Amino acid sequence: MLKGGNDELRIVFSTHDILVKGRNLSSLASDLAAHRVAKLQELNRLDRFLNETGVFIREISVEQAGENRA
């Protein structure tokens, strides 16, 4: 299951929940749904400043399904 918007995307699997934060993530959701994504990776600090347009990921957090969130 995919939930989210342009700056935050939540991917839910039976065993893990993944929260992706960044910019322009709505197009990433359609690629994930079509199984066209092989790898997600956070950008390093320099790349964040160089990438002014397009999709970029600034944070990825992975939790086991059912963990309490703060």
N, C-alpha and C. Protein backbone atom coordinates (compact mmCIF):
# COMPACT_ATOMS: atom_id res chain seq x y z
N MET A 1 0.85 -1.18 0.00
CA MET A 1 0.00 0.00 0.00
C MET A 1 0.89 1.24 0.00
N LEU A 2 0.53 2.21 -0.79
CA LEU A 2 1.24 3.48 -0.86
C LEU A 2 0.33 4.60 -0.36
N LYS A 3 0.87 5.47 0.46
CA LYS A 3 0.14 6.65 0.95
C LYS A 3 1.10 7.81 0.91
N GLY A 4 0.58 9.00 0.73
CA GLY A 4 1.45 10.15 0.84
C GLY A 4 1.17 11.20 -0.20
N GLY A 5 2.09 12.13 -0.25
CA GLY A 5 1.94 13.25 -1.17
C GLY A 5 3.26 13.57 -1.82
N ASN A 6 3.45 14.84 -2.05
CA ASN A 6 4.62 15.28 -2.78
C ASN A 6 5.90 15.31 -1.94
N ASP A 7 5.78 15.44 -0.62
CA ASP A 7 6.98 15.54 0.21
C ASP A 7 7.15 14.39 1.20
N GLU A 8 6.19 13.47 1.24
CA GLU A 8 6.29 12.32 2.14
C GLU A 8 5.51 11.16 1.53
N LEU A 9 6.14 9.99 1.57
CA LEU A 9 5.54 8.79 0.99
C LEU A 9 5.70 7.64 1.97
N ARG A 10 4.61 6.94 2.23
CA ARG A 10 4.65 5.80 3.15
C ARG A 10 4.37 4.54 2.34
N ILE A 11 5.27 3.56 2.45
CA ILE A 11 5.15 2.29 1.75
C ILE A 11 4.94 1.22 2.81
N VAL A 12 3.83 0.49 2.72
CA VAL A 12 3.47 -0.48 3.74
C VAL A 12 3.56 -1.89 3.17
N PHE A 13 4.40 -2.70 3.80
CA PHE A 13 4.51 -4.11 3.48
C PHE A 13 3.95 -4.89 4.67
N SER A 14 3.80 -6.19 4.55
CA SER A 14 3.26 -6.98 5.66
C SER A 14 4.21 -7.01 6.85
N THR A 15 5.50 -6.87 6.62
CA THR A 15 6.47 -6.96 7.71
C THR A 15 7.11 -5.63 8.09
N HIS A 16 7.11 -4.66 7.19
CA HIS A 16 7.79 -3.39 7.44
C HIS A 16 7.00 -2.21 6.87
N ASP A 17 7.17 -1.06 7.51
CA ASP A 17 6.65 0.21 7.02
C ASP A 17 7.85 1.08 6.67
N ILE A 18 7.80 1.71 5.52
CA ILE A 18 8.90 2.56 5.07
C ILE A 18 8.35 3.96 4.87
N LEU A 19 9.02 4.94 5.46
CA LEU A 19 8.65 6.33 5.32
C LEU A 19 9.75 7.04 4.54
N VAL A 20 9.39 7.63 3.42
CA VAL A 20 10.35 8.33 2.56
C VAL A 20 9.99 9.81 2.60
N LYS A 21 10.97 10.66 2.90
CA LYS A 21 10.76 12.11 2.91
C LYS A 21 11.68 12.74 1.87
N GLY A 22 11.17 13.76 1.21
CA GLY A 22 11.97 14.42 0.20
C GLY A 22 11.15 15.45 -0.55
N ARG A 23 11.33 15.47 -1.88
CA ARG A 23 10.63 16.44 -2.70
C ARG A 23 10.18 15.78 -4.00
N ASN A 24 9.00 16.15 -4.47
CA ASN A 24 8.43 15.64 -5.73
C ASN A 24 8.30 14.12 -5.72
N LEU A 25 7.79 13.57 -4.62
CA LEU A 25 7.70 12.11 -4.46
C LEU A 25 6.46 11.50 -5.11
N SER A 26 5.53 12.32 -5.57
CA SER A 26 4.31 11.75 -6.15
C SER A 26 4.61 10.92 -7.40
N SER A 27 5.59 11.33 -8.19
CA SER A 27 5.94 10.52 -9.37
C SER A 27 6.64 9.22 -8.96
N LEU A 28 7.31 9.23 -7.82
CA LEU A 28 7.94 8.01 -7.31
C LEU A 28 6.88 6.98 -6.94
N ALA A 29 5.75 7.43 -6.43
CA ALA A 29 4.68 6.52 -6.04
C ALA A 29 4.18 5.71 -7.24
N SER A 30 4.01 6.37 -8.37
CA SER A 30 3.54 5.63 -9.56
C SER A 30 4.60 4.65 -10.05
N ASP A 31 5.87 5.00 -9.96
CA ASP A 31 6.94 4.07 -10.34
C ASP A 31 7.00 2.88 -9.40
N LEU A 32 6.79 3.11 -8.10
CA LEU A 32 6.76 2.01 -7.14
C LEU A 32 5.59 1.07 -7.42
N ALA A 33 4.43 1.65 -7.69
CA ALA A 33 3.24 0.84 -7.95
C ALA A 33 3.41 -0.02 -9.20
N ALA A 34 4.18 0.46 -10.16
CA ALA A 34 4.41 -0.28 -11.40
C ALA A 34 5.66 -1.18 -11.31
N HIS A 35 6.25 -1.28 -10.13
CA HIS A 35 7.44 -2.12 -9.90
C HIS A 35 8.61 -1.71 -10.77
N ARG A 36 8.80 -0.40 -10.96
CA ARG A 36 9.91 0.11 -11.75
C ARG A 36 11.04 0.67 -10.89
N VAL A 37 10.99 0.43 -9.59
CA VAL A 37 12.03 0.93 -8.69
C VAL A 37 12.80 -0.25 -8.13
N ALA A 38 14.12 -0.24 -8.34
CA ALA A 38 14.97 -1.31 -7.83
C ALA A 38 15.69 -0.89 -6.55
N LYS A 39 15.85 0.42 -6.34
CA LYS A 39 16.63 0.89 -5.19
C LYS A 39 16.20 2.31 -4.83
N LEU A 40 16.10 2.57 -3.52
CA LEU A 40 15.88 3.91 -3.00
C LEU A 40 17.11 4.31 -2.20
N GLN A 41 17.55 5.54 -2.39
CA GLN A 41 18.76 5.99 -1.70
C GLN A 41 18.63 7.47 -1.37
N GLU A 42 19.02 7.82 -0.15
CA GLU A 42 19.05 9.22 0.25
C GLU A 42 20.18 9.92 -0.48
N LEU A 43 19.95 11.20 -0.82
CA LEU A 43 21.02 11.99 -1.43
C LEU A 43 21.99 12.46 -0.35
N ASN A 44 23.25 12.55 -0.71
CA ASN A 44 24.20 13.12 0.24
C ASN A 44 24.00 14.63 0.31
N ARG A 45 24.64 15.25 1.25
CA ARG A 45 24.42 16.68 1.52
C ARG A 45 24.68 17.56 0.30
N LEU A 46 25.75 17.34 -0.41
CA LEU A 46 26.07 18.16 -1.57
C LEU A 46 25.03 18.00 -2.67
N ASP A 47 24.61 16.77 -2.93
CA ASP A 47 23.63 16.53 -3.98
C ASP A 47 22.29 17.19 -3.68
N ARG A 48 21.96 17.36 -2.41
CA ARG A 48 20.70 18.03 -2.06
C ARG A 48 20.69 19.46 -2.57
N PHE A 49 21.83 20.12 -2.52
CA PHE A 49 21.91 21.50 -2.97
C PHE A 49 22.00 21.60 -4.50
N LEU A 50 22.58 20.60 -5.14
CA LEU A 50 22.74 20.62 -6.58
C LEU A 50 21.48 20.22 -7.32
N ASN A 51 20.64 19.41 -6.71
CA ASN A 51 19.43 18.90 -7.35
C ASN A 51 18.25 19.82 -7.03
N GLU A 52 18.05 20.83 -7.86
CA GLU A 52 16.99 21.80 -7.62
C GLU A 52 15.63 21.34 -8.14
N THR A 53 15.61 20.45 -9.12
CA THR A 53 14.36 19.99 -9.70
C THR A 53 14.31 18.47 -9.64
N GLY A 54 13.14 17.93 -9.88
CA GLY A 54 12.99 16.49 -9.91
C GLY A 54 12.83 15.88 -8.53
N VAL A 55 12.78 14.56 -8.52
CA VAL A 55 12.60 13.81 -7.29
C VAL A 55 13.91 13.74 -6.53
N PHE A 56 13.85 13.97 -5.23
CA PHE A 56 15.00 13.62 -4.41
C PHE A 56 14.53 13.14 -3.05
N ILE A 57 15.31 12.25 -2.47
CA ILE A 57 15.00 11.64 -1.18
C ILE A 57 15.99 12.17 -0.16
N ARG A 58 15.47 12.76 0.91
CA ARG A 58 16.36 13.26 1.96
C ARG A 58 16.40 12.36 3.18
N GLU A 59 15.39 11.49 3.33
CA GLU A 59 15.35 10.62 4.51
C GLU A 59 14.53 9.37 4.21
N ILE A 60 15.05 8.23 4.66
CA ILE A 60 14.31 6.97 4.57
C ILE A 60 14.34 6.34 5.95
N SER A 61 13.17 6.00 6.48
CA SER A 61 13.12 5.29 7.76
C SER A 61 12.32 4.00 7.58
N VAL A 62 12.83 2.96 8.19
CA VAL A 62 12.21 1.63 8.09
C VAL A 62 11.89 1.15 9.48
N GLU A 63 10.65 0.71 9.67
CA GLU A 63 10.21 0.17 10.96
C GLU A 63 9.51 -1.15 10.73
N GLN A 64 9.57 -2.01 11.72
CA GLN A 64 8.79 -3.25 11.63
C GLN A 64 7.32 -2.89 11.71
N ALA A 65 6.50 -3.62 11.00
CA ALA A 65 5.06 -3.38 11.03
C ALA A 65 4.55 -3.53 12.45
N GLY A 66 3.68 -2.63 12.84
CA GLY A 66 3.09 -2.70 14.17
C GLY A 66 3.85 -1.96 15.25
N GLU A 67 5.03 -1.41 14.95
CA GLU A 67 5.76 -0.63 15.96
C GLU A 67 5.00 0.66 16.24
N ASN A 68 5.07 1.13 17.46
CA ASN A 68 4.42 2.39 17.81
C ASN A 68 5.23 3.55 17.25
N ARG A 69 4.53 4.52 16.70
CA ARG A 69 5.19 5.70 16.17
C ARG A 69 5.00 6.86 17.13
N ALA A 70 6.01 7.68 17.21
CA ALA A 70 5.92 8.87 18.08
C ALA A 70 5.22 9.99 17.39
